[in-house]
């Protein structure tokens, strides 16, 4: 979508984002750290652009059609 992401490291999110590459991440339940991550994303245009570009690439790995095809292929191999 072209939106820079700031996320907390909880649940499956660490599997999806890489801090400083596809998003800015921080620990959950740390509001000050979350605020710093948001301010970093807002104040660093190069970081923001990199995260948008790399994030789009990472998100494309989770395309529903592609994931279904890969799952079907895995079942066929079994």
PDB file of N, CA and C in Angstrom:
ATOM      1  N   UNK A   1       0.810  -1.204   0.000  1.00  0.00           N
ATOM      2  CA  UNK A   1       0.000   0.000   0.000  1.00  0.00           C
ATOM      3  C   UNK A   1       0.852   1.265   0.000  1.00  0.00           C
ATOM      4  N   UNK A   2       2.149   1.120   0.244  1.00  0.00           N
ATOM      5  CA  UNK A   2       3.009   2.289   0.259  1.00  0.00           C
ATOM      6  C   UNK A   2       2.954   3.074   1.557  1.00  0.00           C
ATOM      7  N   UNK A   3       2.543   2.414   2.633  1.00  0.00           N
ATOM      8  CA  UNK A   3       2.441   3.058   3.943  1.00  0.00           C
ATOM      9  C   UNK A   3       3.582   2.539   4.825  1.00  0.00           C
ATOM     10  N   UNK A   4       4.405   3.425   5.390  1.00  0.00           N
ATOM     11  CA  UNK A   4       5.466   2.946   6.283  1.00  0.00           C
ATOM     12  C   UNK A   4       4.851   2.368   7.563  1.00  0.00           C
ATOM     13  N   UNK A   5       5.458   1.324   8.077  1.00  0.00           N
ATOM     14  CA  UNK A   5       4.899   0.596   9.216  1.00  0.00           C
ATOM     15  C   UNK A   5       5.759   0.786  10.459  1.00  0.00           C
ATOM     16  N   UNK A   6       5.072   1.013  11.577  1.00  0.00           N
ATOM     17  CA  UNK A   6       5.682   0.958  12.906  1.00  0.00           C
ATOM     18  C   UNK A   6       4.897  -0.114  13.648  1.00  0.00           C
ATOM     19  N   UNK A   7       5.591  -1.124  14.155  1.00  0.00           N
ATOM     20  CA  UNK A   7       4.913  -2.268  14.772  1.00  0.00           C
ATOM     21  C   UNK A   7       5.593  -2.662  16.070  1.00  0.00           C
ATOM     22  N   UNK A   8       4.837  -3.344  16.928  1.00  0.00           N
ATOM     23  CA  UNK A   8       5.422  -3.876  18.159  1.00  0.00           C
ATOM     24  C   UNK A   8       5.848  -5.319  17.926  1.00  0.00           C
ATOM     25  N   UNK A   9       6.877  -5.734  18.637  1.00  0.00           N
ATOM     26  CA  UNK A   9       7.397  -7.108  18.533  1.00  0.00           C
ATOM     27  C   UNK A   9       6.551  -8.032  19.393  1.00  0.00           C
ATOM     28  N   UNK A  10       5.410  -8.426  18.865  1.00  0.00           N
ATOM     29  CA  UNK A  10       4.520  -9.321  19.595  1.00  0.00           C
ATOM     30  C   UNK A  10       3.865 -10.289  18.622  1.00  0.00           C
ATOM     31  N   UNK A  11       3.494 -11.436  19.114  1.00  0.00           N
ATOM     32  CA  UNK A  11       2.843 -12.421  18.258  1.00  0.00           C
ATOM     33  C   UNK A  11       3.728 -12.800  17.082  1.00  0.00           C
ATOM     34  N   UNK A  12       3.143 -12.870  15.903  1.00  0.00           N
ATOM     35  CA  UNK A  12       3.874 -13.242  14.699  1.00  0.00           C
ATOM     36  C   UNK A  12       4.515 -12.072  13.980  1.00  0.00           C
ATOM     37  N   UNK A  13       4.357 -10.874  14.513  1.00  0.00           N
ATOM     38  CA  UNK A  13       4.876  -9.684  13.832  1.00  0.00           C
ATOM     39  C   UNK A  13       6.380  -9.748  13.595  1.00  0.00           C
ATOM     40  N   UNK A  14       7.193 -10.212  14.545  1.00  0.00           N
ATOM     41  CA  UNK A  14       8.638 -10.283  14.276  1.00  0.00           C
ATOM     42  C   UNK A  14       8.993 -11.151  13.067  1.00  0.00           C
ATOM     43  N   UNK A  15       8.126 -12.083  12.697  1.00  0.00           N
ATOM     44  CA  UNK A  15       8.364 -12.892  11.500  1.00  0.00           C
ATOM     45  C   UNK A  15       8.103 -12.098  10.223  1.00  0.00           C
ATOM     46  N   UNK A  16       7.352 -11.020  10.339  1.00  0.00           N
ATOM     47  CA  UNK A  16       6.948 -10.246   9.169  1.00  0.00           C
ATOM     48  C   UNK A  16       7.759  -8.983   8.947  1.00  0.00           C
ATOM     49  N   UNK A  17       8.286  -8.407  10.021  1.00  0.00           N
ATOM     50  CA  UNK A  17       8.997  -7.134   9.880  1.00  0.00           C
ATOM     51  C   UNK A  17      10.438  -7.239  10.353  1.00  0.00           C
ATOM     52  N   UNK A  18      11.287  -6.490   9.714  1.00  0.00           N
ATOM     53  CA  UNK A  18      12.694  -6.399  10.102  1.00  0.00           C
ATOM     54  C   UNK A  18      12.983  -4.931  10.400  1.00  0.00           C
ATOM     55  N   UNK A  19      13.318  -4.655  11.650  1.00  0.00           N
ATOM     56  CA  UNK A  19      13.509  -3.276  12.087  1.00  0.00           C
ATOM     57  C   UNK A  19      14.533  -2.551  11.223  1.00  0.00           C
ATOM     58  N   UNK A  20      14.132  -1.387  10.724  1.00  0.00           N
ATOM     59  CA  UNK A  20      15.023  -0.568   9.914  1.00  0.00           C
ATOM     60  C   UNK A  20      15.097  -0.970   8.457  1.00  0.00           C
ATOM     61  N   UNK A  21      14.452  -2.080   8.114  1.00  0.00           N
ATOM     62  CA  UNK A  21      14.470  -2.536   6.727  1.00  0.00           C
ATOM     63  C   UNK A  21      13.068  -2.558   6.125  1.00  0.00           C
ATOM     64  N   UNK A  22      12.140  -3.268   6.774  1.00  0.00           N
ATOM     65  CA  UNK A  22      10.766  -3.320   6.273  1.00  0.00           C
ATOM     66  C   UNK A  22       9.808  -2.519   7.141  1.00  0.00           C
ATOM     67  N   UNK A  23      10.268  -2.111   8.322  1.00  0.00           N
ATOM     68  CA  UNK A  23       9.440  -1.360   9.263  1.00  0.00           C
ATOM     69  C   UNK A  23      10.314  -0.863  10.397  1.00  0.00           C
ATOM     70  N   UNK A  24       9.722  -0.072  11.268  1.00  0.00           N
ATOM     71  CA  UNK A  24      10.361   0.249  12.545  1.00  0.00           C
ATOM     72  C   UNK A  24       9.611  -0.572  13.582  1.00  0.00           C
ATOM     73  N   UNK A  25      10.334  -1.276  14.411  1.00  0.00           N
ATOM     74  CA  UNK A  25       9.675  -2.101  15.416  1.00  0.00           C
ATOM     75  C   UNK A  25      10.169  -1.724  16.801  1.00  0.00           C
ATOM     76  N   UNK A  26       9.353  -2.079  17.783  1.00  0.00           N
ATOM     77  CA  UNK A  26       9.690  -1.780  19.167  1.00  0.00           C
ATOM     78  C   UNK A  26       9.020  -2.814  20.068  1.00  0.00           C
ATOM     79  N   UNK A  27       9.415  -2.816  21.319  1.00  0.00           N
ATOM     80  CA  UNK A  27       8.830  -3.740  22.279  1.00  0.00           C
ATOM     81  C   UNK A  27       7.401  -3.319  22.610  1.00  0.00           C
ATOM     82  N   UNK A  28       6.545  -4.298  22.832  1.00  0.00           N
ATOM     83  CA  UNK A  28       5.179  -3.956  23.224  1.00  0.00           C
ATOM     84  C   UNK A  28       5.175  -3.461  24.663  1.00  0.00           C
ATOM     85  N   UNK A  29       4.154  -2.752  25.024  1.00  0.00           N
ATOM     86  CA  UNK A  29       3.980  -2.209  26.383  1.00  0.00           C
ATOM     87  C   UNK A  29       5.071  -1.213  26.755  1.00  0.00           C
ATOM     88  N   UNK A  30       5.674  -0.558  25.761  1.00  0.00           N
ATOM     89  CA  UNK A  30       6.670   0.479  25.996  1.00  0.00           C
ATOM     90  C   UNK A  30       6.275   1.709  25.176  1.00  0.00           C
ATOM     91  N   UNK A  31       5.338   2.506  25.702  1.00  0.00           N
ATOM     92  CA  UNK A  31       4.835   3.647  24.931  1.00  0.00           C
ATOM     93  C   UNK A  31       5.920   4.620  24.488  1.00  0.00           C
ATOM     94  N   UNK A  32       6.921   4.847  25.318  1.00  0.00           N
ATOM     95  CA  UNK A  32       7.988   5.788  24.947  1.00  0.00           C
ATOM     96  C   UNK A  32       8.785   5.247  23.761  1.00  0.00           C
ATOM     97  N   UNK A  33       9.026   3.952  23.738  1.00  0.00           N
ATOM     98  CA  UNK A  33       9.751   3.341  22.621  1.00  0.00           C
ATOM     99  C   UNK A  33       8.913   3.398  21.342  1.00  0.00           C
ATOM    100  N   UNK A  34       7.621   3.168  21.476  1.00  0.00           N
ATOM    101  CA  UNK A  34       6.721   3.267  20.326  1.00  0.00           C
ATOM    102  C   UNK A  34       6.736   4.689  19.772  1.00  0.00           C
ATOM    103  N   UNK A  35       6.691   5.665  20.658  1.00  0.00           N
ATOM    104  CA  UNK A  35       6.728   7.070  20.220  1.00  0.00           C
ATOM    105  C   UNK A  35       8.041   7.382  19.501  1.00  0.00           C
ATOM    106  N   UNK A  36       9.162   6.869  20.015  1.00  0.00           N
ATOM    107  CA  UNK A  36      10.456   7.076  19.352  1.00  0.00           C
ATOM    108  C   UNK A  36      10.465   6.449  17.957  1.00  0.00           C
ATOM    109  N   UNK A  37       9.893   5.260  17.824  1.00  0.00           N
ATOM    110  CA  UNK A  37       9.847   4.583  16.525  1.00  0.00           C
ATOM    111  C   UNK A  37       8.999   5.380  15.532  1.00  0.00           C
ATOM    112  N   UNK A  38       7.877   5.909  15.994  1.00  0.00           N
ATOM    113  CA  UNK A  38       7.027   6.729  15.119  1.00  0.00           C
ATOM    114  C   UNK A  38       7.776   7.994  14.704  1.00  0.00           C
ATOM    115  N   UNK A  39       8.418   8.649  15.651  1.00  0.00           N
ATOM    116  CA  UNK A  39       9.158   9.876  15.335  1.00  0.00           C
ATOM    117  C   UNK A  39      10.323   9.582  14.391  1.00  0.00           C
ATOM    118  N   UNK A  40      10.968   8.442  14.573  1.00  0.00           N
ATOM    119  CA  UNK A  40      12.065   8.055  13.681  1.00  0.00           C
ATOM    120  C   UNK A  40      11.553   7.890  12.255  1.00  0.00           C
ATOM    121  N   UNK A  41      10.423   7.211  12.116  1.00  0.00           N
ATOM    122  CA  UNK A  41       9.854   6.999  10.784  1.00  0.00           C
ATOM    123  C   UNK A  41       9.458   8.334  10.149  1.00  0.00           C
ATOM    124  N   UNK A  42       8.918   9.228  10.939  1.00  0.00           N
ATOM    125  CA  UNK A  42       8.490  10.523  10.416  1.00  0.00           C
ATOM    126  C   UNK A  42       9.664  11.438  10.061  1.00  0.00           C
ATOM    127  N   UNK A  43      10.756  11.315  10.786  1.00  0.00           N
ATOM    128  CA  UNK A  43      11.856  12.272  10.618  1.00  0.00           C
ATOM    129  C   UNK A  43      12.982  11.794   9.700  1.00  0.00           C
ATOM    130  N   UNK A  44      12.950  10.525   9.279  1.00  0.00           N
ATOM    131  CA  UNK A  44      14.019   9.989   8.435  1.00  0.00           C
ATOM    132  C   UNK A  44      13.459   9.536   7.082  1.00  0.00           C
ATOM    133  N   UNK A  45      13.466  10.448   6.098  1.00  0.00           N
ATOM    134  CA  UNK A  45      12.891  10.113   4.790  1.00  0.00           C
ATOM    135  C   UNK A  45      13.532   8.902   4.115  1.00  0.00           C
ATOM    136  N   UNK A  46      14.839   8.731   4.246  1.00  0.00           N
ATOM    137  CA  UNK A  46      15.503   7.580   3.617  1.00  0.00           C
ATOM    138  C   UNK A  46      15.042   6.268   4.242  1.00  0.00           C
ATOM    139  N   UNK A  47      14.917   6.261   5.557  1.00  0.00           N
ATOM    140  CA  UNK A  47      14.410   5.089   6.264  1.00  0.00           C
ATOM    141  C   UNK A  47      12.979   4.796   5.823  1.00  0.00           C
ATOM    142  N   UNK A  48      12.172   5.838   5.797  1.00  0.00           N
ATOM    143  CA  UNK A  48      10.773   5.687   5.399  1.00  0.00           C
ATOM    144  C   UNK A  48      10.655   5.105   3.986  1.00  0.00           C
ATOM    145  N   UNK A  49      11.427   5.647   3.055  1.00  0.00           N
ATOM    146  CA  UNK A  49      11.390   5.151   1.677  1.00  0.00           C
ATOM    147  C   UNK A  49      11.860   3.703   1.586  1.00  0.00           C
ATOM    148  N   UNK A  50      12.920   3.365   2.319  1.00  0.00           N
ATOM    149  CA  UNK A  50      13.431   1.991   2.313  1.00  0.00           C
ATOM    150  C   UNK A  50      12.375   1.032   2.880  1.00  0.00           C
ATOM    151  N   UNK A  51      11.749   1.425   3.982  1.00  0.00           N
ATOM    152  CA  UNK A  51      10.745   0.559   4.600  1.00  0.00           C
ATOM    153  C   UNK A  51       9.538   0.371   3.693  1.00  0.00           C
ATOM    154  N   UNK A  52       9.150   1.418   2.981  1.00  0.00           N
ATOM    155  CA  UNK A  52       8.027   1.293   2.046  1.00  0.00           C
ATOM    156  C   UNK A  52       8.392   0.306   0.938  1.00  0.00           C
ATOM    157  N   UNK A  53       9.552   0.488   0.332  1.00  0.00           N
ATOM    158  CA  UNK A  53       9.972  -0.380  -0.775  1.00  0.00           C
ATOM    159  C   UNK A  53      10.169  -1.818  -0.318  1.00  0.00           C
ATOM    160  N   UNK A  54      10.935  -2.018   0.740  1.00  0.00           N
ATOM    161  CA  UNK A  54      11.216  -3.372   1.231  1.00  0.00           C
ATOM    162  C   UNK A  54       9.961  -4.020   1.810  1.00  0.00           C
ATOM    163  N   UNK A  55       9.125  -3.209   2.453  1.00  0.00           N
ATOM    164  CA  UNK A  55       7.885  -3.727   3.022  1.00  0.00           C
ATOM    165  C   UNK A  55       6.941  -4.244   1.956  1.00  0.00           C
ATOM    166  N   UNK A  56       6.853  -3.539   0.839  1.00  0.00           N
ATOM    167  CA  UNK A  56       6.015  -4.016  -0.270  1.00  0.00           C
ATOM    168  C   UNK A  56       6.517  -5.370  -0.767  1.00  0.00           C
ATOM    169  N   UNK A  57       7.834  -5.504  -0.884  1.00  0.00           N
ATOM    170  CA  UNK A  57       8.397  -6.778  -1.329  1.00  0.00           C
ATOM    171  C   UNK A  57       8.081  -7.901  -0.359  1.00  0.00           C
ATOM    172  N   UNK A  58       8.212  -7.625   0.926  1.00  0.00           N
ATOM    173  CA  UNK A  58       7.915  -8.639   1.947  1.00  0.00           C
ATOM    174  C   UNK A  58       6.438  -8.998   1.921  1.00  0.00           C
ATOM    175  N   UNK A  59       5.573  -8.000   1.782  1.00  0.00           N
ATOM    176  CA  UNK A  59       4.125  -8.255   1.764  1.00  0.00           C
ATOM    177  C   UNK A  59       3.733  -9.113   0.572  1.00  0.00           C
ATOM    178  N   UNK A  60       4.432  -8.945  -0.542  1.00  0.00           N
ATOM    179  CA  UNK A  60       4.086  -9.733  -1.733  1.00  0.00           C
ATOM    180  C   UNK A  60       4.327 -11.225  -1.514  1.00  0.00           C
ATOM    181  N   UNK A  61       5.188 -11.565  -0.551  1.00  0.00           N
ATOM    182  CA  UNK A  61       5.433 -12.969  -0.234  1.00  0.00           C
ATOM    183  C   UNK A  61       4.206 -13.629   0.385  1.00  0.00           C
ATOM    184  N   UNK A  62       3.278 -12.810   0.884  1.00  0.00           N
ATOM    185  CA  UNK A  62       2.105 -13.318   1.587  1.00  0.00           C
ATOM    186  C   UNK A  62       0.825 -13.144   0.772  1.00  0.00           C
ATOM    187  N   UNK A  63       0.970 -13.049  -0.534  1.00  0.00           N
ATOM    188  CA  UNK A  63      -0.175 -12.969  -1.427  1.00  0.00           C
ATOM    189  C   UNK A  63      -1.009 -14.246  -1.284  1.00  0.00           C
ATOM    190  N   UNK A  64      -2.311 -14.098  -1.118  1.00  0.00           N
ATOM    191  CA  UNK A  64      -3.191 -15.242  -0.898  1.00  0.00           C
ATOM    192  C   UNK A  64      -3.130 -16.279  -1.997  1.00  0.00           C
ATOM    193  N   UNK A  65      -3.157 -15.843  -3.244  1.00  0.00           N
ATOM    194  CA  UNK A  65      -3.116 -16.772  -4.372  1.00  0.00           C
ATOM    195  C   UNK A  65      -1.811 -17.557  -4.364  1.00  0.00           C
ATOM    196  N   UNK A  66      -0.729 -16.862  -4.112  1.00  0.00           N
ATOM    197  CA  UNK A  66       0.584 -17.512  -4.087  1.00  0.00           C
ATOM    198  C   UNK A  66       0.671 -18.517  -2.936  1.00  0.00           C
ATOM    199  N   UNK A  67       0.168 -18.137  -1.761  1.00  0.00           N
ATOM    200  CA  UNK A  67       0.232 -19.024  -0.607  1.00  0.00           C
ATOM    201  C   UNK A  67      -0.607 -20.278  -0.834  1.00  0.00           C
ATOM    202  N   UNK A  68      -1.775 -20.131  -1.474  1.00  0.00           N
ATOM    203  CA  UNK A  68      -2.617 -21.295  -1.775  1.00  0.00           C
ATOM    204  C   UNK A  68      -1.887 -22.242  -2.724  1.00  0.00           C
ATOM    205  N   UNK A  69      -1.283 -21.692  -3.762  1.00  0.00           N
ATOM    206  CA  UNK A  69      -0.549 -22.516  -4.729  1.00  0.00           C
ATOM    207  C   UNK A  69       0.604 -23.252  -4.048  1.00  0.00           C
ATOM    208  N   UNK A  70       1.318 -22.576  -3.152  1.00  0.00           N
ATOM    209  CA  UNK A  70       2.436 -23.213  -2.455  1.00  0.00           C
ATOM    210  C   UNK A  70       1.941 -24.311  -1.517  1.00  0.00           C
ATOM    211  N   UNK A  71       0.819 -24.081  -0.857  1.00  0.00           N
ATOM    212  CA  UNK A  71       0.249 -25.098   0.037  1.00  0.00           C
ATOM    213  C   UNK A  71      -0.197 -26.317  -0.760  1.00  0.00           C
ATOM    214  N   UNK A  72      -0.884 -26.083  -1.883  1.00  0.00           N
ATOM    215  CA  UNK A  72      -1.311 -27.192  -2.739  1.00  0.00           C
ATOM    216  C   UNK A  72      -0.113 -27.993  -3.243  1.00  0.00           C
ATOM    217  N   UNK A  73       0.943 -27.299  -3.635  1.00  0.00           N
ATOM    218  CA  UNK A  73       2.147 -27.976  -4.119  1.00  0.00           C
ATOM    219  C   UNK A  73       2.770 -28.823  -3.009  1.00  0.00           C
ATOM    220  N   UNK A  74       2.766 -28.313  -1.785  1.00  0.00           N
ATOM    221  CA  UNK A  74       3.313 -29.069  -0.662  1.00  0.00           C
ATOM    222  C   UNK A  74       2.502 -30.343  -0.423  1.00  0.00           C
ATOM    223  N   UNK A  75       1.193 -30.233  -0.489  1.00  0.00           N
ATOM    224  CA  UNK A  75       0.349 -31.427  -0.321  1.00  0.00           C
ATOM    225  C   UNK A  75       0.590 -32.437  -1.431  1.00  0.00           C
ATOM    226  N   UNK A  76       0.770 -31.975  -2.636  1.00  0.00           N
ATOM    227  CA  UNK A  76       1.031 -32.888  -3.754  1.00  0.00           C
ATOM    228  C   UNK A  76       2.336 -33.651  -3.567  1.00  0.00           C
ATOM    229  N   UNK A  77       3.348 -32.950  -3.029  1.00  0.00           N
ATOM    230  CA  UNK A  77       4.642 -33.601  -2.794  1.00  0.00           C
ATOM    231  C   UNK A  77       4.536 -34.689  -1.734  1.00  0.00           C
ATOM    232  N   UNK A  78       3.626 -34.504  -0.798  1.00  0.00           N
ATOM    233  CA  UNK A  78       3.456 -35.492   0.288  1.00  0.00           C
ATOM    234  C   UNK A  78       2.732 -36.707  -0.234  1.00  0.00           C
TER     235      UNK A  78
END
